[in-house]
Amino acid sequence: MKELKDYVRTIPDYPMPGIMFRDVTSVLQDADGLKLAIDGIMEKIGDPDQVDVIVGTESRGFVFGMPVAYNLHKPFVMVRKKGKLPCETISREYALEYGTATIEMHKDSIKPGQRVVIVDDLIATGGTIEAASKMVEELGGKVVKIVFLMELAGLNGREKLKDYDVESVICYEGK
């Protein structure tokens, strides 16, 4: 039987020389790969009774977070790029390699005291999920775990998330 890592396509020198791009679309395009990915994330979450809400960041956090929320029978909250949500929002700006970006979530999406798991496809530098975590806390939620399908350990994203319980299904040592 293949392992999850076997379904991840690696594209050398994309988008620039020296980068090993880990392509998640090859996981999604195979039913066995997709099942392994969702099952792996759910395993990292652990006891579903310790979780009230699943949060996913745009866009691949939606792809992996939604089936997890469905399987655990938990609500799902979207964190989106600025200007994409129709109701009152809170926002957080974070640094990119060149410049900044802003993400938002609905102001009523997390209730005080709710235990939140954040799901995303990849941790690189950690900025997006750090911003999402701060918004959850601003609304009174507690981030009990952050789960990534893949981790690029060479980019030290865990350092930004050192105050959280962070898990990854697959860890690549490089960038």
N, C-alpha and C. Protein backbone atom coordinates (compact mmCIF):
# COMPACT_ATOMS: atom_id res chain seq x y z
N MET A 1 0.84 -1.20 0.00
CA MET A 1 0.00 0.00 0.00
C MET A 1 0.88 1.25 0.00
N LYS A 2 0.49 2.22 -0.80
CA LYS A 2 1.24 3.47 -0.88
C LYS A 2 1.04 4.31 0.38
N GLU A 3 2.05 5.09 0.70
CA GLU A 3 1.96 6.05 1.79
C GLU A 3 1.54 7.40 1.21
N LEU A 4 1.05 8.28 2.07
CA LEU A 4 0.59 9.60 1.63
C LEU A 4 1.68 10.34 0.86
N LYS A 5 2.91 10.27 1.34
CA LYS A 5 4.02 10.96 0.68
C LYS A 5 4.17 10.54 -0.78
N ASP A 6 3.79 9.29 -1.07
CA ASP A 6 3.89 8.78 -2.44
C ASP A 6 2.94 9.49 -3.41
N TYR A 7 1.91 10.12 -2.88
CA TYR A 7 0.92 10.81 -3.73
C TYR A 7 1.28 12.27 -3.99
N VAL A 8 2.23 12.80 -3.25
CA VAL A 8 2.63 14.20 -3.41
C VAL A 8 3.64 14.31 -4.54
N ARG A 9 3.28 15.07 -5.56
CA ARG A 9 4.18 15.28 -6.70
C ARG A 9 5.15 16.40 -6.33
N THR A 10 6.43 16.16 -6.58
CA THR A 10 7.46 17.16 -6.32
C THR A 10 7.94 17.72 -7.65
N ILE A 11 7.92 19.03 -7.76
CA ILE A 11 8.32 19.70 -9.00
C ILE A 11 9.58 20.53 -8.70
N PRO A 12 10.73 20.08 -9.18
CA PRO A 12 11.98 20.82 -8.91
C PRO A 12 12.01 22.17 -9.62
N ASP A 13 12.65 23.12 -8.96
CA ASP A 13 12.90 24.46 -9.53
C ASP A 13 11.63 25.21 -9.90
N TYR A 14 10.57 25.03 -9.11
CA TYR A 14 9.34 25.79 -9.32
C TYR A 14 8.93 26.43 -8.01
N PRO A 15 8.62 27.68 -7.97
CA PRO A 15 8.52 28.65 -9.06
C PRO A 15 9.85 29.30 -9.43
N MET A 16 10.94 28.92 -8.72
CA MET A 16 12.25 29.47 -9.05
C MET A 16 13.32 28.41 -8.79
N PRO A 17 14.49 28.57 -9.35
CA PRO A 17 15.56 27.58 -9.16
C PRO A 17 15.85 27.34 -7.67
N GLY A 18 16.04 26.07 -7.34
CA GLY A 18 16.37 25.69 -5.97
C GLY A 18 15.18 25.33 -5.11
N ILE A 19 13.97 25.62 -5.58
CA ILE A 19 12.75 25.31 -4.82
C ILE A 19 12.23 23.94 -5.25
N MET A 20 11.88 23.12 -4.27
CA MET A 20 11.22 21.84 -4.53
C MET A 20 9.75 22.03 -4.19
N PHE A 21 8.92 22.27 -5.20
CA PHE A 21 7.49 22.55 -4.99
C PHE A 21 6.76 21.25 -4.69
N ARG A 22 6.04 21.21 -3.57
CA ARG A 22 5.26 20.04 -3.16
C ARG A 22 3.82 20.28 -3.59
N ASP A 23 3.40 19.57 -4.62
CA ASP A 23 2.11 19.79 -5.27
C ASP A 23 1.02 18.93 -4.63
N VAL A 24 0.05 19.57 -4.01
CA VAL A 24 -1.03 18.86 -3.34
C VAL A 24 -2.11 18.39 -4.31
N THR A 25 -2.13 18.93 -5.53
CA THR A 25 -3.19 18.52 -6.46
C THR A 25 -3.11 17.04 -6.81
N SER A 26 -1.91 16.48 -6.79
CA SER A 26 -1.77 15.06 -7.09
C SER A 26 -2.37 14.19 -5.98
N VAL A 27 -2.43 14.70 -4.77
CA VAL A 27 -3.10 14.00 -3.66
C VAL A 27 -4.61 14.05 -3.89
N LEU A 28 -5.11 15.21 -4.25
CA LEU A 28 -6.55 15.39 -4.45
C LEU A 28 -7.08 14.59 -5.63
N GLN A 29 -6.26 14.39 -6.64
CA GLN A 29 -6.69 13.72 -7.86
C GLN A 29 -6.73 12.20 -7.74
N ASP A 30 -6.36 11.67 -6.60
CA ASP A 30 -6.38 10.22 -6.39
C ASP A 30 -7.23 9.92 -5.16
N ALA A 31 -8.25 9.09 -5.31
CA ALA A 31 -9.17 8.80 -4.20
C ALA A 31 -8.44 8.23 -3.00
N ASP A 32 -7.46 7.35 -3.23
CA ASP A 32 -6.70 6.77 -2.11
C ASP A 32 -5.84 7.83 -1.43
N GLY A 33 -5.21 8.69 -2.23
CA GLY A 33 -4.39 9.77 -1.66
C GLY A 33 -5.23 10.73 -0.84
N LEU A 34 -6.39 11.09 -1.37
CA LEU A 34 -7.28 12.00 -0.65
C LEU A 34 -7.74 11.38 0.67
N LYS A 35 -8.10 10.12 0.64
CA LYS A 35 -8.53 9.43 1.87
C LYS A 35 -7.39 9.40 2.89
N LEU A 36 -6.19 9.09 2.45
CA LEU A 36 -5.04 9.09 3.36
C LEU A 36 -4.81 10.47 3.96
N ALA A 37 -4.97 11.51 3.15
CA ALA A 37 -4.76 12.87 3.63
C ALA A 37 -5.78 13.24 4.71
N ILE A 38 -7.06 13.02 4.44
CA ILE A 38 -8.10 13.38 5.41
C ILE A 38 -7.97 12.52 6.67
N ASP A 39 -7.75 11.23 6.49
CA ASP A 39 -7.58 10.35 7.65
C ASP A 39 -6.36 10.75 8.47
N GLY A 40 -5.27 11.15 7.80
CA GLY A 40 -4.06 11.58 8.49
C GLY A 40 -4.29 12.83 9.31
N ILE A 41 -5.01 13.79 8.76
CA ILE A 41 -5.33 15.02 9.49
C ILE A 41 -6.21 14.71 10.69
N MET A 42 -7.22 13.87 10.48
CA MET A 42 -8.12 13.52 11.58
C MET A 42 -7.37 12.80 12.70
N GLU A 43 -6.43 11.95 12.34
CA GLU A 43 -5.63 11.25 13.34
C GLU A 43 -4.82 12.23 14.18
N LYS A 44 -4.25 13.26 13.52
CA LYS A 44 -3.46 14.26 14.23
C LYS A 44 -4.32 15.12 15.16
N ILE A 45 -5.59 15.29 14.82
CA ILE A 45 -6.49 16.06 15.68
C ILE A 45 -6.73 15.34 16.99
N GLY A 46 -6.87 14.04 16.92
CA GLY A 46 -7.08 13.28 18.15
C GLY A 46 -8.54 13.25 18.56
N ASP A 47 -8.79 13.39 19.84
CA ASP A 47 -10.12 13.24 20.43
C ASP A 47 -11.08 14.33 19.93
N PRO A 48 -12.10 13.94 19.14
CA PRO A 48 -13.03 14.95 18.61
C PRO A 48 -13.88 15.61 19.70
N ASP A 49 -13.98 14.99 20.87
CA ASP A 49 -14.74 15.60 21.96
C ASP A 49 -14.03 16.81 22.56
N GLN A 50 -12.76 17.00 22.21
CA GLN A 50 -11.99 18.14 22.70
C GLN A 50 -11.98 19.30 21.71
N VAL A 51 -12.81 19.19 20.67
CA VAL A 51 -12.86 20.18 19.59
C VAL A 51 -14.29 20.65 19.39
N ASP A 52 -14.48 21.96 19.27
CA ASP A 52 -15.81 22.51 19.01
C ASP A 52 -15.97 22.99 17.57
N VAL A 53 -14.89 23.48 16.97
CA VAL A 53 -14.96 24.12 15.65
C VAL A 53 -13.70 23.80 14.86
N ILE A 54 -13.87 23.58 13.55
CA ILE A 54 -12.73 23.46 12.63
C ILE A 54 -12.66 24.76 11.82
N VAL A 55 -11.47 25.34 11.73
CA VAL A 55 -11.23 26.55 10.95
C VAL A 55 -10.28 26.19 9.82
N GLY A 56 -10.58 26.70 8.62
CA GLY A 56 -9.70 26.50 7.47
C GLY A 56 -9.41 27.82 6.79
N THR A 57 -8.18 27.97 6.30
CA THR A 57 -7.79 29.20 5.62
C THR A 57 -7.90 29.02 4.11
N GLU A 58 -8.24 30.10 3.44
CA GLU A 58 -8.42 30.10 1.99
C GLU A 58 -7.12 29.71 1.30
N SER A 59 -7.14 28.89 0.37
CA SER A 59 -8.25 28.10 -0.11
C SER A 59 -8.08 26.61 0.19
N ARG A 60 -6.84 26.17 0.27
CA ARG A 60 -6.67 24.73 0.49
C ARG A 60 -6.99 24.30 1.91
N GLY A 61 -7.02 25.22 2.84
CA GLY A 61 -7.53 24.88 4.17
C GLY A 61 -9.00 24.53 4.13
N PHE A 62 -9.72 25.09 3.12
CA PHE A 62 -11.12 24.71 2.92
C PHE A 62 -11.19 23.27 2.41
N VAL A 63 -10.32 22.96 1.45
CA VAL A 63 -10.33 21.65 0.81
C VAL A 63 -10.12 20.54 1.83
N PHE A 64 -9.20 20.75 2.78
CA PHE A 64 -8.90 19.71 3.76
C PHE A 64 -9.70 19.87 5.05
N GLY A 65 -10.02 21.08 5.42
CA GLY A 65 -10.76 21.30 6.66
C GLY A 65 -12.22 20.91 6.60
N MET A 66 -12.87 21.16 5.46
CA MET A 66 -14.30 20.87 5.33
C MET A 66 -14.61 19.38 5.51
N PRO A 67 -13.92 18.46 4.83
CA PRO A 67 -14.25 17.04 5.06
C PRO A 67 -13.94 16.59 6.48
N VAL A 68 -12.94 17.19 7.10
CA VAL A 68 -12.64 16.87 8.50
C VAL A 68 -13.80 17.31 9.38
N ALA A 69 -14.28 18.54 9.18
CA ALA A 69 -15.42 19.04 9.96
C ALA A 69 -16.65 18.15 9.75
N TYR A 70 -16.88 17.78 8.52
CA TYR A 70 -18.01 16.90 8.20
C TYR A 70 -17.88 15.56 8.92
N ASN A 71 -16.72 14.94 8.82
CA ASN A 71 -16.50 13.64 9.46
C ASN A 71 -16.62 13.70 10.98
N LEU A 72 -16.20 14.82 11.57
CA LEU A 72 -16.26 14.97 13.03
C LEU A 72 -17.59 15.57 13.50
N HIS A 73 -18.45 15.91 12.55
CA HIS A 73 -19.73 16.55 12.84
C HIS A 73 -19.53 17.83 13.66
N LYS A 74 -18.63 18.69 13.14
CA LYS A 74 -18.30 19.98 13.77
C LYS A 74 -18.56 21.09 12.76
N PRO A 75 -18.85 22.29 13.25
CA PRO A 75 -18.99 23.41 12.32
C PRO A 75 -17.66 23.77 11.68
N PHE A 76 -17.74 24.40 10.52
CA PHE A 76 -16.55 24.82 9.78
C PHE A 76 -16.58 26.33 9.59
N VAL A 77 -15.46 26.98 9.89
CA VAL A 77 -15.34 28.44 9.76
C VAL A 77 -14.27 28.75 8.72
N MET A 78 -14.62 29.63 7.79
CA MET A 78 -13.69 30.03 6.73
C MET A 78 -12.93 31.30 7.13
N VAL A 79 -11.63 31.27 6.90
CA VAL A 79 -10.79 32.46 6.98
C VAL A 79 -10.44 32.79 5.53
N ARG A 80 -10.83 34.01 5.13
CA ARG A 80 -10.71 34.37 3.71
C ARG A 80 -9.83 35.60 3.52
N LYS A 81 -9.47 35.80 2.26
CA LYS A 81 -8.76 37.01 1.87
C LYS A 81 -9.67 38.21 2.09
N LYS A 82 -9.07 39.35 2.33
CA LYS A 82 -9.82 40.57 2.61
C LYS A 82 -10.85 40.88 1.53
N GLY A 83 -12.06 41.24 1.98
CA GLY A 83 -13.10 41.66 1.07
C GLY A 83 -13.97 40.56 0.50
N LYS A 84 -13.81 39.33 0.95
CA LYS A 84 -14.55 38.20 0.38
C LYS A 84 -15.73 37.75 1.24
N LEU A 85 -15.82 38.20 2.48
CA LEU A 85 -16.90 37.77 3.37
C LEU A 85 -17.98 38.85 3.46
N PRO A 86 -19.27 38.46 3.44
CA PRO A 86 -20.36 39.43 3.33
C PRO A 86 -20.79 40.10 4.63
N CYS A 87 -20.52 39.50 5.78
CA CYS A 87 -20.99 40.07 7.06
C CYS A 87 -19.86 40.82 7.75
N GLU A 88 -20.15 41.30 8.96
CA GLU A 88 -19.14 42.03 9.72
C GLU A 88 -17.96 41.11 10.03
N THR A 89 -16.75 41.62 9.82
CA THR A 89 -15.55 40.80 9.97
C THR A 89 -14.55 41.42 10.94
N ILE A 90 -13.60 40.58 11.35
CA ILE A 90 -12.36 41.07 11.96
C ILE A 90 -11.26 40.70 10.98
N SER A 91 -10.14 41.40 11.05
CA SER A 91 -9.07 41.14 10.08
C SER A 91 -7.72 41.18 10.78
N ARG A 92 -6.75 40.63 10.07
CA ARG A 92 -5.38 40.62 10.57
C ARG A 92 -4.45 40.67 9.37
N GLU A 93 -3.49 41.58 9.45
CA GLU A 93 -2.48 41.70 8.41
C GLU A 93 -1.26 40.87 8.82
N TYR A 94 -0.59 40.29 7.84
CA TYR A 94 0.62 39.53 8.13
C TYR A 94 1.63 39.74 7.01
N ALA A 95 2.89 39.44 7.31
CA ALA A 95 3.97 39.69 6.36
C ALA A 95 4.10 38.55 5.36
N LEU A 96 4.35 38.94 4.13
CA LEU A 96 4.71 38.02 3.06
C LEU A 96 6.19 38.24 2.76
N GLU A 97 6.73 37.43 1.86
CA GLU A 97 8.13 37.60 1.49
C GLU A 97 8.37 39.02 0.95
N TYR A 98 7.41 39.50 0.13
CA TYR A 98 7.49 40.86 -0.39
C TYR A 98 6.15 41.53 -0.13
N GLY A 99 6.03 42.28 0.95
CA GLY A 99 4.80 42.99 1.25
C GLY A 99 3.99 42.35 2.35
N THR A 100 2.68 42.61 2.33
CA THR A 100 1.78 42.10 3.34
C THR A 100 0.49 41.59 2.69
N ALA A 101 -0.28 40.85 3.46
CA ALA A 101 -1.60 40.39 3.05
C ALA A 101 -2.52 40.51 4.25
N THR A 102 -3.81 40.50 3.99
CA THR A 102 -4.80 40.59 5.07
C THR A 102 -5.81 39.47 4.90
N ILE A 103 -6.14 38.83 6.03
CA ILE A 103 -7.18 37.82 6.03
C ILE A 103 -8.28 38.25 7.00
N GLU A 104 -9.47 37.69 6.79
CA GLU A 104 -10.63 38.07 7.60
C GLU A 104 -11.44 36.83 7.97
N MET A 105 -12.23 37.00 9.02
CA MET A 105 -13.24 36.01 9.36
C MET A 105 -14.45 36.75 9.92
N HIS A 106 -15.61 36.11 9.82
CA HIS A 106 -16.82 36.73 10.36
C HIS A 106 -16.69 36.92 11.86
N LYS A 107 -17.16 38.06 12.31
CA LYS A 107 -17.06 38.43 13.72
C LYS A 107 -17.85 37.47 14.62
N ASP A 108 -18.89 36.84 14.06
CA ASP A 108 -19.72 35.94 14.86
C ASP A 108 -19.39 34.46 14.64
N SER A 109 -18.25 34.17 14.02
CA SER A 109 -17.94 32.78 13.65
C SER A 109 -17.40 31.93 14.79
N ILE A 110 -16.79 32.55 15.77
CA ILE A 110 -16.24 31.85 16.93
C ILE A 110 -16.87 32.45 18.18
N LYS A 111 -17.36 31.57 19.04
CA LYS A 111 -17.95 32.01 20.31
C LYS A 111 -16.90 31.91 21.42
N PRO A 112 -16.97 32.80 22.42
CA PRO A 112 -16.01 32.73 23.53
C PRO A 112 -15.99 31.34 24.17
N GLY A 113 -14.76 30.84 24.37
CA GLY A 113 -14.58 29.54 25.01
C GLY A 113 -14.54 28.36 24.05
N GLN A 114 -14.90 28.57 22.77
CA GLN A 114 -14.87 27.43 21.85
C GLN A 114 -13.44 26.96 21.61
N ARG A 115 -13.30 25.65 21.53
CA ARG A 115 -12.01 25.00 21.27
C ARG A 115 -11.89 24.79 19.76
N VAL A 116 -10.83 25.34 19.19
CA VAL A 116 -10.69 25.43 17.74
C VAL A 116 -9.47 24.65 17.25
N VAL A 117 -9.67 23.91 16.16
CA VAL A 117 -8.57 23.30 15.42
C VAL A 117 -8.49 24.02 14.07
N ILE A 118 -7.31 24.49 13.73
CA ILE A 118 -7.07 25.12 12.44
C ILE A 118 -6.41 24.10 11.52
N VAL A 119 -6.95 23.97 10.30
CA VAL A 119 -6.44 23.01 9.32
C VAL A 119 -5.99 23.76 8.07
N ASP A 120 -4.81 23.39 7.57
CA ASP A 120 -4.34 23.94 6.30
C ASP A 120 -3.50 22.89 5.58
N ASP A 121 -3.22 23.14 4.32
CA ASP A 121 -2.47 22.15 3.55
C ASP A 121 -0.98 22.18 3.83
N LEU A 122 -0.42 23.37 4.12
CA LEU A 122 1.03 23.51 4.16
C LEU A 122 1.46 24.57 5.15
N ILE A 123 2.48 24.26 5.92
CA ILE A 123 3.13 25.30 6.72
C ILE A 123 4.49 25.58 6.10
N ALA A 124 4.68 26.83 5.74
CA ALA A 124 5.96 27.29 5.21
C ALA A 124 6.54 28.26 6.25
N THR A 125 6.21 29.53 6.14
CA THR A 125 6.73 30.50 7.12
C THR A 125 5.81 30.69 8.32
N GLY A 126 4.56 30.25 8.21
CA GLY A 126 3.64 30.29 9.36
C GLY A 126 2.84 31.57 9.52
N GLY A 127 3.04 32.56 8.67
CA GLY A 127 2.39 33.85 8.84
C GLY A 127 0.87 33.83 8.74
N THR A 128 0.34 33.10 7.78
CA THR A 128 -1.11 33.05 7.60
C THR A 128 -1.78 32.43 8.82
N ILE A 129 -1.25 31.32 9.28
CA ILE A 129 -1.89 30.62 10.39
C ILE A 129 -1.67 31.35 11.71
N GLU A 130 -0.56 32.04 11.85
CA GLU A 130 -0.37 32.88 13.03
C GLU A 130 -1.46 33.95 13.08
N ALA A 131 -1.72 34.59 11.94
CA ALA A 131 -2.76 35.61 11.86
C ALA A 131 -4.14 35.02 12.15
N ALA A 132 -4.43 33.86 11.58
CA ALA A 132 -5.72 33.20 11.83
C ALA A 132 -5.88 32.86 13.30
N SER A 133 -4.82 32.37 13.92
CA SER A 133 -4.86 32.02 15.35
C SER A 133 -5.16 33.24 16.21
N LYS A 134 -4.54 34.35 15.88
CA LYS A 134 -4.77 35.59 16.64
C LYS A 134 -6.22 36.06 16.51
N MET A 135 -6.81 35.87 15.33
CA MET A 135 -8.22 36.26 15.16
C MET A 135 -9.14 35.35 15.98
N VAL A 136 -8.86 34.06 15.99
CA VAL A 136 -9.65 33.13 16.80
C VAL A 136 -9.61 33.58 18.26
N GLU A 137 -8.42 33.91 18.74
CA GLU A 137 -8.25 34.35 20.13
C GLU A 137 -8.92 35.69 20.38
N GLU A 138 -8.87 36.58 19.41
CA GLU A 138 -9.55 37.88 19.54
C GLU A 138 -11.05 37.70 19.76
N LEU A 139 -11.61 36.67 19.15
CA LEU A 139 -13.04 36.39 19.30
C LEU A 139 -13.35 35.56 20.56
N GLY A 140 -12.31 35.21 21.31
CA GLY A 140 -12.52 34.47 22.56
C GLY A 140 -12.37 32.97 22.44
N GLY A 141 -11.99 32.49 21.27
CA GLY A 141 -11.77 31.05 21.09
C GLY A 141 -10.39 30.65 21.57
N LYS A 142 -10.21 29.34 21.76
CA LYS A 142 -8.92 28.79 22.16
C LYS A 142 -8.45 27.85 21.06
N VAL A 143 -7.29 28.13 20.50
CA VAL A 143 -6.71 27.26 19.48
C VAL A 143 -6.08 26.07 20.20
N VAL A 144 -6.74 24.91 20.09
CA VAL A 144 -6.24 23.72 20.80
C VAL A 144 -5.28 22.90 19.94
N LYS A 145 -5.32 23.11 18.64
CA LYS A 145 -4.39 22.39 17.75
C LYS A 145 -4.40 23.05 16.38
N ILE A 146 -3.25 22.94 15.72
CA ILE A 146 -3.11 23.37 14.33
C ILE A 146 -2.55 22.17 13.58
N VAL A 147 -3.23 21.76 12.50
CA VAL A 147 -2.82 20.58 11.76
C VAL A 147 -2.60 20.94 10.29
N PHE A 148 -1.44 20.58 9.79
CA PHE A 148 -1.08 20.78 8.39
C PHE A 148 -0.93 19.42 7.71
N LEU A 149 -1.29 19.36 6.46
CA LEU A 149 -1.02 18.15 5.70
C LEU A 149 0.49 18.02 5.48
N MET A 150 1.15 19.11 5.10
CA MET A 150 2.59 19.08 4.80
C MET A 150 3.30 20.22 5.53
N GLU A 151 4.55 19.96 5.86
CA GLU A 151 5.38 20.96 6.52
C GLU A 151 6.71 21.07 5.79
N LEU A 152 7.13 22.30 5.52
CA LEU A 152 8.46 22.57 4.98
C LEU A 152 9.32 23.05 6.15
N ALA A 153 9.95 22.11 6.84
CA ALA A 153 10.65 22.42 8.10
C ALA A 153 11.77 23.42 7.92
N GLY A 154 12.39 23.45 6.74
CA GLY A 154 13.50 24.36 6.49
C GLY A 154 13.12 25.83 6.49
N LEU A 155 11.82 26.12 6.45
CA LEU A 155 11.38 27.53 6.48
C LEU A 155 11.01 28.00 7.88
N ASN A 156 11.11 27.11 8.87
CA ASN A 156 10.95 27.45 10.29
C ASN A 156 9.61 28.07 10.66
N GLY A 157 8.55 27.67 9.97
CA GLY A 157 7.23 28.20 10.28
C GLY A 157 6.74 27.87 11.68
N ARG A 158 7.20 26.75 12.22
CA ARG A 158 6.80 26.37 13.59
C ARG A 158 7.23 27.41 14.61
N GLU A 159 8.30 28.13 14.31
CA GLU A 159 8.79 29.14 15.25
C GLU A 159 7.72 30.20 15.51
N LYS A 160 7.02 30.63 14.46
CA LYS A 160 5.94 31.61 14.65
C LYS A 160 4.77 31.03 15.43
N LEU A 161 4.64 29.72 15.41
CA LEU A 161 3.51 29.04 16.05
C LEU A 161 3.94 28.29 17.31
N LYS A 162 5.06 28.69 17.90
CA LYS A 162 5.63 27.94 19.03
C LYS A 162 4.72 27.88 20.25
N ASP A 163 3.76 28.77 20.36
CA ASP A 163 2.84 28.76 21.50
C ASP A 163 1.65 27.85 21.29
N TYR A 164 1.61 27.14 20.16
CA TYR A 164 0.48 26.28 19.82
C TYR A 164 0.92 24.83 19.66
N ASP A 165 -0.05 23.94 19.76
CA ASP A 165 0.16 22.52 19.49
C ASP A 165 0.05 22.32 17.99
N VAL A 166 1.19 22.13 17.33
CA VAL A 166 1.25 22.05 15.87
C VAL A 166 1.62 20.63 15.45
N GLU A 167 0.85 20.10 14.50
CA GLU A 167 1.12 18.76 13.95
C GLU A 167 1.16 18.87 12.44
N SER A 168 1.94 17.99 11.81
CA SER A 168 1.90 17.86 10.37
C SER A 168 1.89 16.38 10.02
N VAL A 169 1.15 16.05 8.97
CA VAL A 169 1.04 14.66 8.54
C VAL A 169 2.33 14.25 7.85
N ILE A 170 2.87 15.12 7.00
CA ILE A 170 4.12 14.87 6.28
C ILE A 170 5.06 16.04 6.59
N CYS A 171 6.32 15.73 6.86
CA CYS A 171 7.31 16.77 7.09
C CYS A 171 8.48 16.60 6.11
N TYR A 172 8.76 17.67 5.36
CA TYR A 172 9.90 17.71 4.47
C TYR A 172 10.96 18.57 5.14
N GLU A 173 12.18 18.09 5.19
CA GLU A 173 13.24 18.80 5.91
C GLU A 173 13.66 20.10 5.23
N GLY A 174 13.56 20.18 3.94
CA GLY A 174 14.05 21.35 3.21
C GLY A 174 13.02 22.46 3.07
N LYS A 175 13.21 23.24 2.03
CA LYS A 175 12.34 24.38 1.72
C LYS A 175 11.48 24.01 0.55
